[in-house]
PDB file of N, CA and C in Angstrom:
ATOM      1  N   UNK A   1      -6.447  16.378  44.033  1.00  0.00           N
ATOM      2  CA  UNK A   1      -6.112  14.983  44.197  1.00  0.00           C
ATOM      3  C   UNK A   1      -5.801  14.346  42.839  1.00  0.00           C
ATOM      4  N   UNK A   2      -6.487  14.791  41.779  1.00  0.00           N
ATOM      5  CA  UNK A   2      -6.236  14.268  40.448  1.00  0.00           C
ATOM      6  C   UNK A   2      -4.842  14.649  39.967  1.00  0.00           C
ATOM      7  N   UNK A   3      -4.390  15.846  40.332  1.00  0.00           N
ATOM      8  CA  UNK A   3      -3.051  16.299  39.941  1.00  0.00           C
ATOM      9  C   UNK A   3      -1.996  15.412  40.594  1.00  0.00           C
ATOM     10  N   UNK A   4      -2.190  15.033  41.824  1.00  0.00           N
ATOM     11  CA  UNK A   4      -1.231  14.183  42.525  1.00  0.00           C
ATOM     12  C   UNK A   4      -1.135  12.816  41.867  1.00  0.00           C
ATOM     13  N   UNK A   5      -2.274  12.225  41.503  1.00  0.00           N
ATOM     14  CA  UNK A   5      -2.260  10.925  40.846  1.00  0.00           C
ATOM     15  C   UNK A   5      -1.582  11.010  39.478  1.00  0.00           C
ATOM     16  N   UNK A   6      -1.843  12.067  38.745  1.00  0.00           N
ATOM     17  CA  UNK A   6      -1.209  12.255  37.439  1.00  0.00           C
ATOM     18  C   UNK A   6       0.286  12.448  37.592  1.00  0.00           C
ATOM     19  N   UNK A   7       0.693  13.226  38.582  1.00  0.00           N
ATOM     20  CA  UNK A   7       2.113  13.462  38.825  1.00  0.00           C
ATOM     21  C   UNK A   7       2.826  12.170  39.216  1.00  0.00           C
ATOM     22  N   UNK A   8       2.219  11.378  40.075  1.00  0.00           N
ATOM     23  CA  UNK A   8       2.830  10.114  40.479  1.00  0.00           C
ATOM     24  C   UNK A   8       2.932   9.160  39.294  1.00  0.00           C
ATOM     25  N   UNK A   9       1.913   9.119  38.456  1.00  0.00           N
ATOM     26  CA  UNK A   9       1.944   8.262  37.271  1.00  0.00           C
ATOM     27  C   UNK A   9       3.039   8.706  36.307  1.00  0.00           C
ATOM     28  N   UNK A  10       3.126  10.007  36.068  1.00  0.00           N
ATOM     29  CA  UNK A  10       4.158  10.529  35.169  1.00  0.00           C
ATOM     30  C   UNK A  10       5.553  10.279  35.731  1.00  0.00           C
ATOM     31  N   UNK A  11       5.733  10.446  37.021  1.00  0.00           N
ATOM     32  CA  UNK A  11       7.026  10.184  37.658  1.00  0.00           C
ATOM     33  C   UNK A  11       7.390   8.709  37.569  1.00  0.00           C
ATOM     34  N   UNK A  12       6.420   7.832  37.761  1.00  0.00           N
ATOM     35  CA  UNK A  12       6.654   6.396  37.652  1.00  0.00           C
ATOM     36  C   UNK A  12       7.090   6.025  36.231  1.00  0.00           C
ATOM     37  N   UNK A  13       6.418   6.574  35.233  1.00  0.00           N
ATOM     38  CA  UNK A  13       6.775   6.290  33.848  1.00  0.00           C
ATOM     39  C   UNK A  13       8.167   6.819  33.523  1.00  0.00           C
ATOM     40  N   UNK A  14       8.498   8.001  34.035  1.00  0.00           N
ATOM     41  CA  UNK A  14       9.827   8.574  33.804  1.00  0.00           C
ATOM     42  C   UNK A  14      10.926   7.703  34.409  1.00  0.00           C
ATOM     43  N   UNK A  15      10.738   7.272  35.647  1.00  0.00           N
ATOM     44  CA  UNK A  15      11.745   6.444  36.312  1.00  0.00           C
ATOM     45  C   UNK A  15      11.871   5.103  35.604  1.00  0.00           C
ATOM     46  N   UNK A  16      10.769   4.509  35.215  1.00  0.00           N
ATOM     47  CA  UNK A  16      10.800   3.235  34.511  1.00  0.00           C
ATOM     48  C   UNK A  16      11.501   3.372  33.163  1.00  0.00           C
ATOM     49  N   UNK A  17      11.208   4.436  32.422  1.00  0.00           N
ATOM     50  CA  UNK A  17      11.858   4.664  31.128  1.00  0.00           C
ATOM     51  C   UNK A  17      13.356   4.897  31.302  1.00  0.00           C
ATOM     52  N   UNK A  18      13.748   5.629  32.329  1.00  0.00           N
ATOM     53  CA  UNK A  18      15.170   5.867  32.584  1.00  0.00           C
ATOM     54  C   UNK A  18      15.887   4.557  32.907  1.00  0.00           C
ATOM     55  N   UNK A  19      15.279   3.707  33.718  1.00  0.00           N
ATOM     56  CA  UNK A  19      15.886   2.426  34.072  1.00  0.00           C
ATOM     57  C   UNK A  19      16.012   1.519  32.847  1.00  0.00           C
ATOM     58  N   UNK A  20      14.949   1.413  32.070  1.00  0.00           N
ATOM     59  CA  UNK A  20      14.980   0.565  30.875  1.00  0.00           C
ATOM     60  C   UNK A  20      15.993   1.097  29.869  1.00  0.00           C
ATOM     61  N   UNK A  21      16.028   2.407  29.660  1.00  0.00           N
ATOM     62  CA  UNK A  21      16.998   3.000  28.748  1.00  0.00           C
ATOM     63  C   UNK A  21      18.424   2.739  29.179  1.00  0.00           C
ATOM     64  N   UNK A  22      18.701   2.857  30.470  1.00  0.00           N
ATOM     65  CA  UNK A  22      20.041   2.598  30.990  1.00  0.00           C
ATOM     66  C   UNK A  22      20.442   1.147  30.754  1.00  0.00           C
ATOM     67  N   UNK A  23      19.542   0.228  31.026  1.00  0.00           N
ATOM     68  CA  UNK A  23      19.839  -1.197  30.839  1.00  0.00           C
ATOM     69  C   UNK A  23      20.051  -1.539  29.365  1.00  0.00           C
ATOM     70  N   UNK A  24      19.245  -0.960  28.489  1.00  0.00           N
ATOM     71  CA  UNK A  24      19.385  -1.252  27.058  1.00  0.00           C
ATOM     72  C   UNK A  24      20.711  -0.706  26.530  1.00  0.00           C
ATOM     73  N   UNK A  25      21.065   0.510  26.898  1.00  0.00           N
ATOM     74  CA  UNK A  25      22.309   1.117  26.408  1.00  0.00           C
ATOM     75  C   UNK A  25      23.526   0.365  26.924  1.00  0.00           C
ATOM     76  N   UNK A  26      23.482  -0.134  28.135  1.00  0.00           N
ATOM     77  CA  UNK A  26      24.618  -0.885  28.676  1.00  0.00           C
ATOM     78  C   UNK A  26      24.845  -2.200  27.951  1.00  0.00           C
ATOM     79  N   UNK A  27      23.826  -2.738  27.315  1.00  0.00           N
ATOM     80  CA  UNK A  27      23.942  -4.018  26.617  1.00  0.00           C
ATOM     81  C   UNK A  27      24.425  -3.868  25.170  1.00  0.00           C
ATOM     82  N   UNK A  28      24.575  -2.650  24.687  1.00  0.00           N
ATOM     83  CA  UNK A  28      24.986  -2.420  23.299  1.00  0.00           C
ATOM     84  C   UNK A  28      26.499  -2.604  23.173  1.00  0.00           C
ATOM     85  N   UNK A  29      26.933  -3.462  22.235  1.00  0.00           N
ATOM     86  CA  UNK A  29      28.383  -3.628  22.038  1.00  0.00           C
ATOM     87  C   UNK A  29      29.003  -2.368  21.421  1.00  0.00           C
ATOM     88  N   UNK A  30      30.290  -2.138  21.654  1.00  0.00           N
ATOM     89  CA  UNK A  30      30.936  -0.909  21.160  1.00  0.00           C
ATOM     90  C   UNK A  30      30.860  -0.728  19.646  1.00  0.00           C
ATOM     91  N   UNK A  31      30.807  -1.811  18.879  1.00  0.00           N
ATOM     92  CA  UNK A  31      30.765  -1.674  17.422  1.00  0.00           C
ATOM     93  C   UNK A  31      29.441  -1.110  16.926  1.00  0.00           C
ATOM     94  N   UNK A  32      28.414  -1.134  17.757  1.00  0.00           N
ATOM     95  CA  UNK A  32      27.108  -0.622  17.351  1.00  0.00           C
ATOM     96  C   UNK A  32      26.831   0.796  17.848  1.00  0.00           C
ATOM     97  N   UNK A  33      27.777   1.413  18.523  1.00  0.00           N
ATOM     98  CA  UNK A  33      27.521   2.738  19.076  1.00  0.00           C
ATOM     99  C   UNK A  33      27.308   3.794  18.001  1.00  0.00           C
ATOM    100  N   UNK A  34      28.056   3.725  16.881  1.00  0.00           N
ATOM    101  CA  UNK A  34      27.897   4.717  15.829  1.00  0.00           C
ATOM    102  C   UNK A  34      26.517   4.642  15.184  1.00  0.00           C
ATOM    103  N   UNK A  35      26.031   3.447  14.777  1.00  0.00           N
ATOM    104  CA  UNK A  35      24.666   3.409  14.234  1.00  0.00           C
ATOM    105  C   UNK A  35      23.609   3.800  15.266  1.00  0.00           C
ATOM    106  N   UNK A  36      23.833   3.452  16.512  1.00  0.00           N
ATOM    107  CA  UNK A  36      22.886   3.822  17.561  1.00  0.00           C
ATOM    108  C   UNK A  36      22.855   5.338  17.733  1.00  0.00           C
ATOM    109  N   UNK A  37      24.001   5.977  17.643  1.00  0.00           N
ATOM    110  CA  UNK A  37      24.070   7.432  17.761  1.00  0.00           C
ATOM    111  C   UNK A  37      23.328   8.089  16.598  1.00  0.00           C
ATOM    112  N   UNK A  38      23.467   7.537  15.397  1.00  0.00           N
ATOM    113  CA  UNK A  38      22.752   8.101  14.249  1.00  0.00           C
ATOM    114  C   UNK A  38      21.249   7.961  14.422  1.00  0.00           C
ATOM    115  N   UNK A  39      20.816   6.833  14.949  1.00  0.00           N
ATOM    116  CA  UNK A  39      19.386   6.644  15.208  1.00  0.00           C
ATOM    117  C   UNK A  39      18.862   7.604  16.249  1.00  0.00           C
ATOM    118  N   UNK A  40      19.636   7.833  17.293  1.00  0.00           N
ATOM    119  CA  UNK A  40      19.187   8.768  18.325  1.00  0.00           C
ATOM    120  C   UNK A  40      19.181  10.200  17.809  1.00  0.00           C
ATOM    121  N   UNK A  41      20.053  10.511  16.847  1.00  0.00           N
ATOM    122  CA  UNK A  41      20.017  11.845  16.229  1.00  0.00           C
ATOM    123  C   UNK A  41      18.722  12.047  15.463  1.00  0.00           C
ATOM    124  N   UNK A  42      18.260  11.008  14.780  1.00  0.00           N
ATOM    125  CA  UNK A  42      16.998  11.119  14.042  1.00  0.00           C
ATOM    126  C   UNK A  42      15.838  11.331  15.014  1.00  0.00           C
ATOM    127  N   UNK A  43      15.849  10.634  16.130  1.00  0.00           N
ATOM    128  CA  UNK A  43      14.790  10.796  17.130  1.00  0.00           C
ATOM    129  C   UNK A  43      14.846  12.200  17.727  1.00  0.00           C
ATOM    130  N   UNK A  44      16.042  12.718  17.961  1.00  0.00           N
ATOM    131  CA  UNK A  44      16.167  14.075  18.495  1.00  0.00           C
ATOM    132  C   UNK A  44      15.688  15.114  17.490  1.00  0.00           C
ATOM    133  N   UNK A  45      15.859  14.836  16.205  1.00  0.00           N
ATOM    134  CA  UNK A  45      15.320  15.738  15.184  1.00  0.00           C
ATOM    135  C   UNK A  45      13.809  15.819  15.261  1.00  0.00           C
ATOM    136  N   UNK A  46      13.164  14.693  15.526  1.00  0.00           N
ATOM    137  CA  UNK A  46      11.718  14.676  15.706  1.00  0.00           C
ATOM    138  C   UNK A  46      11.341  15.455  16.962  1.00  0.00           C
ATOM    139  N   UNK A  47      12.155  15.344  17.999  1.00  0.00           N
ATOM    140  CA  UNK A  47      11.921  16.087  19.233  1.00  0.00           C
ATOM    141  C   UNK A  47      11.990  17.589  18.981  1.00  0.00           C
ATOM    142  N   UNK A  48      12.931  18.018  18.139  1.00  0.00           N
ATOM    143  CA  UNK A  48      13.044  19.441  17.812  1.00  0.00           C
ATOM    144  C   UNK A  48      11.756  19.928  17.145  1.00  0.00           C
ATOM    145  N   UNK A  49      11.237  19.151  16.208  1.00  0.00           N
ATOM    146  CA  UNK A  49       9.999  19.554  15.537  1.00  0.00           C
ATOM    147  C   UNK A  49       8.824  19.627  16.513  1.00  0.00           C
ATOM    148  N   UNK A  50       8.713  18.650  17.396  1.00  0.00           N
ATOM    149  CA  UNK A  50       7.643  18.677  18.394  1.00  0.00           C
ATOM    150  C   UNK A  50       7.774  19.849  19.339  1.00  0.00           C
ATOM    151  N   UNK A  51       9.006  20.168  19.725  1.00  0.00           N
ATOM    152  CA  UNK A  51       9.236  21.294  20.629  1.00  0.00           C
ATOM    153  C   UNK A  51       8.915  22.622  19.948  1.00  0.00           C
ATOM    154  N   UNK A  52       9.203  22.713  18.656  1.00  0.00           N
ATOM    155  CA  UNK A  52       8.852  23.940  17.927  1.00  0.00           C
ATOM    156  C   UNK A  52       7.335  24.109  17.888  1.00  0.00           C
ATOM    157  N   UNK A  53       6.626  23.015  17.666  1.00  0.00           N
ATOM    158  CA  UNK A  53       5.166  23.090  17.674  1.00  0.00           C
ATOM    159  C   UNK A  53       4.637  23.479  19.054  1.00  0.00           C
ATOM    160  N   UNK A  54       5.259  22.944  20.103  1.00  0.00           N
ATOM    161  CA  UNK A  54       4.802  23.243  21.460  1.00  0.00           C
ATOM    162  C   UNK A  54       5.070  24.688  21.851  1.00  0.00           C
ATOM    163  N   UNK A  55       6.118  25.269  21.314  1.00  0.00           N
ATOM    164  CA  UNK A  55       6.472  26.635  21.703  1.00  0.00           C
ATOM    165  C   UNK A  55       5.905  27.678  20.753  1.00  0.00           C
ATOM    166  N   UNK A  56       5.005  27.301  19.868  1.00  0.00           N
ATOM    167  CA  UNK A  56       4.498  28.224  18.872  1.00  0.00           C
ATOM    168  C   UNK A  56       3.302  29.053  19.286  1.00  0.00           C
ATOM    169  N   UNK A  57       2.844  28.939  20.525  1.00  0.00           N
ATOM    170  CA  UNK A  57       1.671  29.701  20.958  1.00  0.00           C
ATOM    171  C   UNK A  57       2.007  31.189  21.074  1.00  0.00           C
ATOM    172  N   UNK A  58       0.991  32.026  20.962  1.00  0.00           N
ATOM    173  CA  UNK A  58       1.211  33.480  21.039  1.00  0.00           C
ATOM    174  C   UNK A  58       1.331  33.964  22.483  1.00  0.00           C
ATOM    175  N   UNK A  59       0.669  33.310  23.406  1.00  0.00           N
ATOM    176  CA  UNK A  59       0.743  33.715  24.813  1.00  0.00           C
ATOM    177  C   UNK A  59       1.941  33.033  25.475  1.00  0.00           C
ATOM    178  N   UNK A  60       2.546  33.769  26.398  1.00  0.00           N
ATOM    179  CA  UNK A  60       3.659  33.202  27.152  1.00  0.00           C
ATOM    180  C   UNK A  60       3.096  32.490  28.372  1.00  0.00           C
ATOM    181  N   UNK A  61       3.271  31.183  28.401  1.00  0.00           N
ATOM    182  CA  UNK A  61       2.907  30.404  29.581  1.00  0.00           C
ATOM    183  C   UNK A  61       3.971  29.335  29.789  1.00  0.00           C
ATOM    184  N   UNK A  62       3.757  28.483  30.741  1.00  0.00           N
ATOM    185  CA  UNK A  62       4.790  27.508  31.111  1.00  0.00           C
ATOM    186  C   UNK A  62       5.073  26.530  29.984  1.00  0.00           C
ATOM    187  N   UNK A  63       4.064  26.155  29.204  1.00  0.00           N
ATOM    188  CA  UNK A  63       4.305  25.199  28.115  1.00  0.00           C
ATOM    189  C   UNK A  63       5.131  25.824  26.993  1.00  0.00           C
ATOM    190  N   UNK A  64       4.955  27.109  26.740  1.00  0.00           N
ATOM    191  CA  UNK A  64       5.771  27.782  25.727  1.00  0.00           C
ATOM    192  C   UNK A  64       7.220  27.867  26.197  1.00  0.00           C
ATOM    193  N   UNK A  65       7.430  28.200  27.452  1.00  0.00           N
ATOM    194  CA  UNK A  65       8.790  28.282  27.993  1.00  0.00           C
ATOM    195  C   UNK A  65       9.457  26.917  27.964  1.00  0.00           C
ATOM    196  N   UNK A  66       8.733  25.875  28.381  1.00  0.00           N
ATOM    197  CA  UNK A  66       9.297  24.524  28.334  1.00  0.00           C
ATOM    198  C   UNK A  66       9.550  24.084  26.897  1.00  0.00           C
ATOM    199  N   UNK A  67       8.692  24.497  25.967  1.00  0.00           N
ATOM    200  CA  UNK A  67       8.919  24.193  24.554  1.00  0.00           C
ATOM    201  C   UNK A  67      10.182  24.841  24.025  1.00  0.00           C
ATOM    202  N   UNK A  68      10.428  26.091  24.408  1.00  0.00           N
ATOM    203  CA  UNK A  68      11.650  26.769  23.982  1.00  0.00           C
ATOM    204  C   UNK A  68      12.895  26.117  24.569  1.00  0.00           C
ATOM    205  N   UNK A  69      12.814  25.715  25.831  1.00  0.00           N
ATOM    206  CA  UNK A  69      13.931  25.005  26.457  1.00  0.00           C
ATOM    207  C   UNK A  69      14.168  23.676  25.732  1.00  0.00           C
ATOM    208  N   UNK A  70      13.084  22.988  25.375  1.00  0.00           N
ATOM    209  CA  UNK A  70      13.210  21.717  24.657  1.00  0.00           C
ATOM    210  C   UNK A  70      13.830  21.914  23.282  1.00  0.00           C
ATOM    211  N   UNK A  71      13.484  23.004  22.599  1.00  0.00           N
ATOM    212  CA  UNK A  71      14.089  23.296  21.291  1.00  0.00           C
ATOM    213  C   UNK A  71      15.595  23.464  21.441  1.00  0.00           C
ATOM    214  N   UNK A  72      16.013  24.237  22.418  1.00  0.00           N
ATOM    215  CA  UNK A  72      17.446  24.487  22.619  1.00  0.00           C
ATOM    216  C   UNK A  72      18.177  23.196  22.968  1.00  0.00           C
ATOM    217  N   UNK A  73      17.654  22.436  23.925  1.00  0.00           N
ATOM    218  CA  UNK A  73      18.341  21.215  24.352  1.00  0.00           C
ATOM    219  C   UNK A  73      18.363  20.145  23.258  1.00  0.00           C
ATOM    220  N   UNK A  74      17.270  19.979  22.550  1.00  0.00           N
ATOM    221  CA  UNK A  74      17.240  18.981  21.476  1.00  0.00           C
ATOM    222  C   UNK A  74      18.162  19.378  20.329  1.00  0.00           C
ATOM    223  N   UNK A  75      18.255  20.680  20.035  1.00  0.00           N
ATOM    224  CA  UNK A  75      19.170  21.130  18.986  1.00  0.00           C
ATOM    225  C   UNK A  75      20.612  20.877  19.382  1.00  0.00           C
ATOM    226  N   UNK A  76      20.949  21.153  20.626  1.00  0.00           N
ATOM    227  CA  UNK A  76      22.301  20.854  21.120  1.00  0.00           C
ATOM    228  C   UNK A  76      22.574  19.359  21.015  1.00  0.00           C
ATOM    229  N   UNK A  77      21.585  18.535  21.351  1.00  0.00           N
ATOM    230  CA  UNK A  77      21.749  17.088  21.282  1.00  0.00           C
ATOM    231  C   UNK A  77      21.973  16.624  19.848  1.00  0.00           C
ATOM    232  N   UNK A  78      21.219  17.176  18.899  1.00  0.00           N
ATOM    233  CA  UNK A  78      21.370  16.773  17.498  1.00  0.00           C
ATOM    234  C   UNK A  78      22.752  17.162  16.972  1.00  0.00           C
ATOM    235  N   UNK A  79      23.157  18.406  17.200  1.00  0.00           N
ATOM    236  CA  UNK A  79      24.441  18.879  16.682  1.00  0.00           C
ATOM    237  C   UNK A  79      25.597  18.113  17.311  1.00  0.00           C
ATOM    238  N   UNK A  80      25.579  17.950  18.619  1.00  0.00           N
ATOM    239  CA  UNK A  80      26.679  17.223  19.264  1.00  0.00           C
ATOM    240  C   UNK A  80      26.674  15.751  18.871  1.00  0.00           C
ATOM    241  N   UNK A  81      25.497  15.183  18.656  1.00  0.00           N
ATOM    242  CA  UNK A  81      25.429  13.785  18.216  1.00  0.00           C
ATOM    243  C   UNK A  81      26.065  13.591  16.855  1.00  0.00           C
ATOM    244  N   UNK A  82      25.792  14.522  15.932  1.00  0.00           N
ATOM    245  CA  UNK A  82      26.414  14.409  14.618  1.00  0.00           C
ATOM    246  C   UNK A  82      27.922  14.636  14.700  1.00  0.00           C
ATOM    247  N   UNK A  83      28.365  15.526  15.557  1.00  0.00           N
ATOM    248  CA  UNK A  83      29.807  15.743  15.718  1.00  0.00           C
ATOM    249  C   UNK A  83      30.497  14.505  16.280  1.00  0.00           C
ATOM    250  N   UNK A  84      29.883  13.870  17.261  1.00  0.00           N
ATOM    251  CA  UNK A  84      30.455  12.650  17.843  1.00  0.00           C
ATOM    252  C   UNK A  84      30.465  11.527  16.810  1.00  0.00           C
ATOM    253  N   UNK A  85      29.370  11.391  16.065  1.00  0.00           N
ATOM    254  CA  UNK A  85      29.306  10.352  15.032  1.00  0.00           C
ATOM    255  C   UNK A  85      30.377  10.578  13.978  1.00  0.00           C
ATOM    256  N   UNK A  86      30.558  11.821  13.546  1.00  0.00           N
ATOM    257  CA  UNK A  86      31.589  12.122  12.557  1.00  0.00           C
ATOM    258  C   UNK A  86      32.974  11.810  13.094  1.00  0.00           C
ATOM    259  N   UNK A  87      33.199  12.153  14.340  1.00  0.00           N
ATOM    260  CA  UNK A  87      34.518  11.882  14.942  1.00  0.00           C
ATOM    261  C   UNK A  87      34.774  10.387  15.046  1.00  0.00           C
ATOM    262  N   UNK A  88      33.737   9.624  15.392  1.00  0.00           N
ATOM    263  CA  UNK A  88      33.912   8.172  15.485  1.00  0.00           C
ATOM    264  C   UNK A  88      34.166   7.568  14.103  1.00  0.00           C
ATOM    265  N   UNK A  89      33.488   8.072  13.071  1.00  0.00           N
ATOM    266  CA  UNK A  89      33.711   7.549  11.724  1.00  0.00           C
ATOM    267  C   UNK A  89      35.098   7.904  11.214  1.00  0.00           C
ATOM    268  N   UNK A  90      35.653   9.040  11.648  1.00  0.00           N
ATOM    269  CA  UNK A  90      37.012   9.414  11.251  1.00  0.00           C
ATOM    270  C   UNK A  90      38.040   8.417  11.797  1.00  0.00           C
ATOM    271  N   UNK A  91      37.727   7.781  12.898  1.00  0.00           N
ATOM    272  CA  UNK A  91      38.649   6.804  13.484  1.00  0.00           C
ATOM    273  C   UNK A  91      38.799   5.575  12.585  1.00  0.00           C
ATOM    274  N   UNK A  92      37.801   5.264  11.768  1.00  0.00           N
ATOM    275  CA  UNK A  92      37.840   4.072  10.939  1.00  0.00           C
ATOM    276  C   UNK A  92      38.419   4.320   9.557  1.00  0.00           C
ATOM    277  N   UNK A  93      38.691   5.561   9.200  1.00  0.00           N
ATOM    278  CA  UNK A  93      39.292   5.852   7.906  1.00  0.00           C
ATOM    279  C   UNK A  93      40.770   5.550   7.949  1.00  0.00           C
ATOM    280  N   UNK A  94      41.261   5.049   6.817  1.00  0.00           N
ATOM    281  CA  UNK A  94      42.688   4.747   6.728  1.00  0.00           C
ATOM    282  C   UNK A  94      43.459   6.044   6.589  1.00  0.00           C
ATOM    283  N   UNK A  95      44.552   6.119   7.305  1.00  0.00           N
ATOM    284  CA  UNK A  95      45.402   7.294   7.223  1.00  0.00           C
ATOM    285  C   UNK A  95      46.335   7.172   6.044  1.00  0.00           C
ATOM    286  N   UNK A  96      46.563   8.293   5.360  1.00  0.00           N
ATOM    287  CA  UNK A  96      47.462   8.291   4.224  1.00  0.00           C
ATOM    288  C   UNK A  96      48.903   8.254   4.721  1.00  0.00           C
ATOM    289  N   UNK A  97      49.699   7.450   4.043  1.00  0.00           N
ATOM    290  CA  UNK A  97      51.116   7.333   4.420  1.00  0.00           C
ATOM    291  C   UNK A  97      51.914   8.303   3.563  1.00  0.00           C
ATOM    292  N   UNK A  98      52.655   9.198   4.221  1.00  0.00           N
ATOM    293  CA  UNK A  98      53.478  10.168   3.500  1.00  0.00           C
ATOM    294  C   UNK A  98      54.843   9.541   3.242  1.00  0.00           C
ATOM    295  N   UNK A  99      55.291   9.680   2.010  1.00  0.00           N
ATOM    296  CA  UNK A  99      56.626   9.112   1.676  1.00  0.00           C
ATOM    297  C   UNK A  99      57.606  10.179   1.319  1.00  0.00           C
TER     298      UNK A  99
END
């Protein structure tokens, strides 16, 4: 019975966080997307470190497997975030005029 209450609480927090995150991101003006992306890359870097710590156990169990999955997904998020940020910053550079 305790597992059910914990699961319902965790699910409630997840749904609430997803709703709040969606509403906050929708309110961000387009000019702030690049700095916001850089900030989220820093947070994902912290996630990578936490996932490495979680997957560092010697025994294979569900938390180690989930930690390894988190390492892979957070690394993909960090790399793609930096690529998107770089591409967006390239849009603001002046193009050289060839004569």
